[in-house]
Every structure is written in C-alpha cells, then in structure tokens.
C-alpha cells in the first residue's frame, strides 16, 4: 500500500521516531490516527444523536400533556355549555307556554266583557 503524497502519510512520517523501520511504523501510525479520528467523529455523532433523541422524547411528552388538556377542555365544554339544538328546544317550549298563557288571558278578557 503506497501512502506517499497523502496528508496522513506526512503526519505519520513526522510523528514516527527516526531510525526505525519507517514503512511499518507509518502504516501502524496511520491506522492509529485514522482510528482516533473515527473514534472522535463517532463519539461526537453519538453525543449529538443522544441530545436530539432526548429532545424528541421531551416533545413527545409535551404532546401527550397537551392532548390530555385538550380532552379535559372538551369534557368541560360539553358539560358547561349547551348545543344549539338544546337552546332551540328550550326556546320552543317557553314559546308554547307563553302561547298558552296568552290564550288563557284572552279567555279571561272575553269572559269578563
């Protein structure tokens, strides 16, 4: 494997002690440096992913909390407020009562004349 001309070869050659077998040391040093670089990159990637997954988990918990609050609000609205149909039914019932009262008042006025 020819490493001449590559930046890693130059770094390893500079780092290697002089007077030893340069070819073997350069390859071992290149593997060592490459392993260190990969370890640092993978460590940084792992740290980044752990942080992002923690944020996703927090967002998921917030969504569940908002869904519970929304369900509670729906229950309160259904309990505290009436629908248009109920209002119409109550209004019709009151109108019928007033119509019957008006009829009775009219009968009393007719009987009193």
Protein backbone atom coordinates (compact mmCIF):
# COMPACT_ATOMS: atom_id res chain seq x y z
CA UNK A 1 0.00 0.00 0.00
CA UNK A 2 1.61 3.23 -1.15
CA UNK A 3 0.92 6.21 1.13
CA UNK A 4 3.34 8.74 -0.36
CA UNK A 5 1.73 12.06 -1.21
CA UNK A 6 -1.13 11.69 1.23
CA UNK A 7 -1.51 14.01 4.21
CA UNK A 8 -1.84 11.13 6.66
CA UNK A 9 1.47 9.68 5.48
CA UNK A 10 3.13 13.05 6.03
CA UNK A 11 1.75 13.36 9.54
CA UNK A 12 2.79 9.82 10.42
CA UNK A 13 6.24 10.30 8.97
CA UNK A 14 6.71 13.47 11.01
CA UNK A 15 5.40 11.74 14.14
CA UNK A 16 7.41 8.50 13.77
CA UNK A 17 10.69 8.20 15.65
CA UNK A 18 13.73 8.41 13.38
CA UNK A 19 15.92 5.43 12.77
CA UNK A 20 13.20 2.79 12.95
CA UNK A 21 11.57 0.87 10.13
CA UNK A 22 9.67 3.78 8.56
CA UNK A 23 7.29 1.74 6.34
CA UNK A 24 5.85 -0.41 9.13
CA UNK A 25 5.63 2.45 11.62
CA UNK A 26 3.99 4.73 9.11
CA UNK A 27 1.21 2.20 8.43
CA UNK A 28 0.72 1.49 12.13
CA UNK A 29 0.70 5.19 12.92
CA UNK A 30 -1.71 5.86 10.03
CA UNK A 31 -4.08 3.21 11.38
CA UNK A 32 -3.77 4.63 14.87
CA UNK A 33 -4.51 8.17 13.72
CA UNK A 34 -7.35 7.01 11.49
CA UNK A 35 -8.87 5.03 14.39
CA UNK A 36 -8.56 8.06 16.67
CA UNK A 37 -10.22 10.35 14.12
CA UNK A 38 -13.05 7.87 13.57
CA UNK A 39 -13.49 7.45 17.33
CA UNK A 40 -13.75 11.20 17.84
CA UNK A 41 -16.19 11.60 14.96
CA UNK A 42 -18.37 8.69 16.11
CA UNK A 43 -18.28 9.94 19.70
CA UNK A 44 -19.41 13.40 18.60
CA UNK A 45 -22.12 11.85 16.41
CA UNK A 46 -23.31 9.67 19.31
CA UNK A 47 -23.44 12.66 21.65
CA UNK A 48 -25.38 14.69 19.07
CA UNK A 49 -27.87 11.87 18.49
CA UNK A 50 -28.39 11.32 22.22
CA UNK A 51 -29.22 15.01 22.67
CA UNK A 52 -31.61 15.01 19.72
CA UNK A 53 -33.37 11.85 20.91
CA UNK A 54 -33.80 13.42 24.35
CA UNK A 55 -35.39 16.46 22.71
CA UNK A 56 -37.73 14.24 20.70
CA UNK A 57 -38.72 12.43 23.90
CA UNK A 58 -39.44 15.76 25.63
CA UNK A 59 -41.55 16.91 22.68
CA UNK A 60 -43.47 13.62 22.76
CA UNK A 61 -44.23 14.13 26.46
CA UNK A 62 -45.37 17.70 25.76
CA UNK A 63 -47.70 16.46 23.02
CA UNK A 64 -49.23 13.89 25.38
CA UNK A 65 -49.74 16.59 28.02
CA UNK A 66 -51.43 18.90 25.52
CA UNK A 67 -53.68 16.05 24.32
CA UNK A 68 -54.78 15.37 27.92
CA UNK A 69 -55.51 19.06 28.45
CA UNK A 70 -57.47 19.18 25.20
CA UNK A 71 -59.58 16.19 26.27
CA UNK A 72 -60.28 17.82 29.64
CA UNK A 73 -61.29 21.04 27.88
CA UNK A 74 -63.64 19.14 25.57
CA UNK A 75 -65.28 17.49 28.57
CA UNK A 76 -65.72 20.85 30.33
CA UNK A 77 -67.18 22.49 27.24
CA UNK A 78 -69.64 19.62 26.79
CA UNK A 79 -70.61 19.83 30.46
CA UNK A 80 -70.83 23.63 30.83
CA UNK A 81 -72.32 24.72 27.52
CA UNK A 82 -75.46 23.73 25.65
CA UNK A 83 -75.83 22.96 21.99
CA UNK A 84 -77.89 24.98 19.52
CA UNK A 85 -80.43 22.15 19.33
CA UNK A 86 -80.96 22.27 23.11
CA UNK A 87 -81.39 26.06 23.02
CA UNK A 88 -83.94 25.76 20.22
CA UNK A 89 -85.86 23.04 22.11
CA UNK A 90 -85.96 25.12 25.30
CA UNK A 91 -86.99 28.26 23.37
CA UNK A 92 -89.81 26.37 21.64
CA UNK A 93 -91.01 25.03 24.98
CA UNK A 94 -91.08 28.55 26.51
CA UNK A 95 -92.89 29.90 23.43
CA UNK A 96 -95.56 27.19 23.79
CA UNK A 97 -96.04 28.09 27.46
CA UNK A 98 -96.40 31.80 26.63
CA UNK A 99 -98.85 30.99 23.86
CA UNK A 100 -100.97 29.00 26.33
CA UNK A 101 -100.81 31.88 28.85
CA UNK A 102 -101.85 34.35 26.17
CA UNK A 103 -104.75 32.10 25.26
CA UNK A 104 -105.89 31.91 28.90
CA UNK A 105 -105.55 35.69 29.30
CA UNK A 106 -107.62 36.16 26.16
CA UNK A 107 -110.27 33.77 27.53
CA UNK A 108 -110.43 35.73 30.83
CA UNK A 109 -110.77 39.01 28.97
CA UNK A 110 -113.51 37.53 26.74
CA UNK A 111 -115.36 36.17 29.80
CA UNK A 112 -115.15 39.48 31.65
CA UNK A 113 -116.78 41.54 28.88
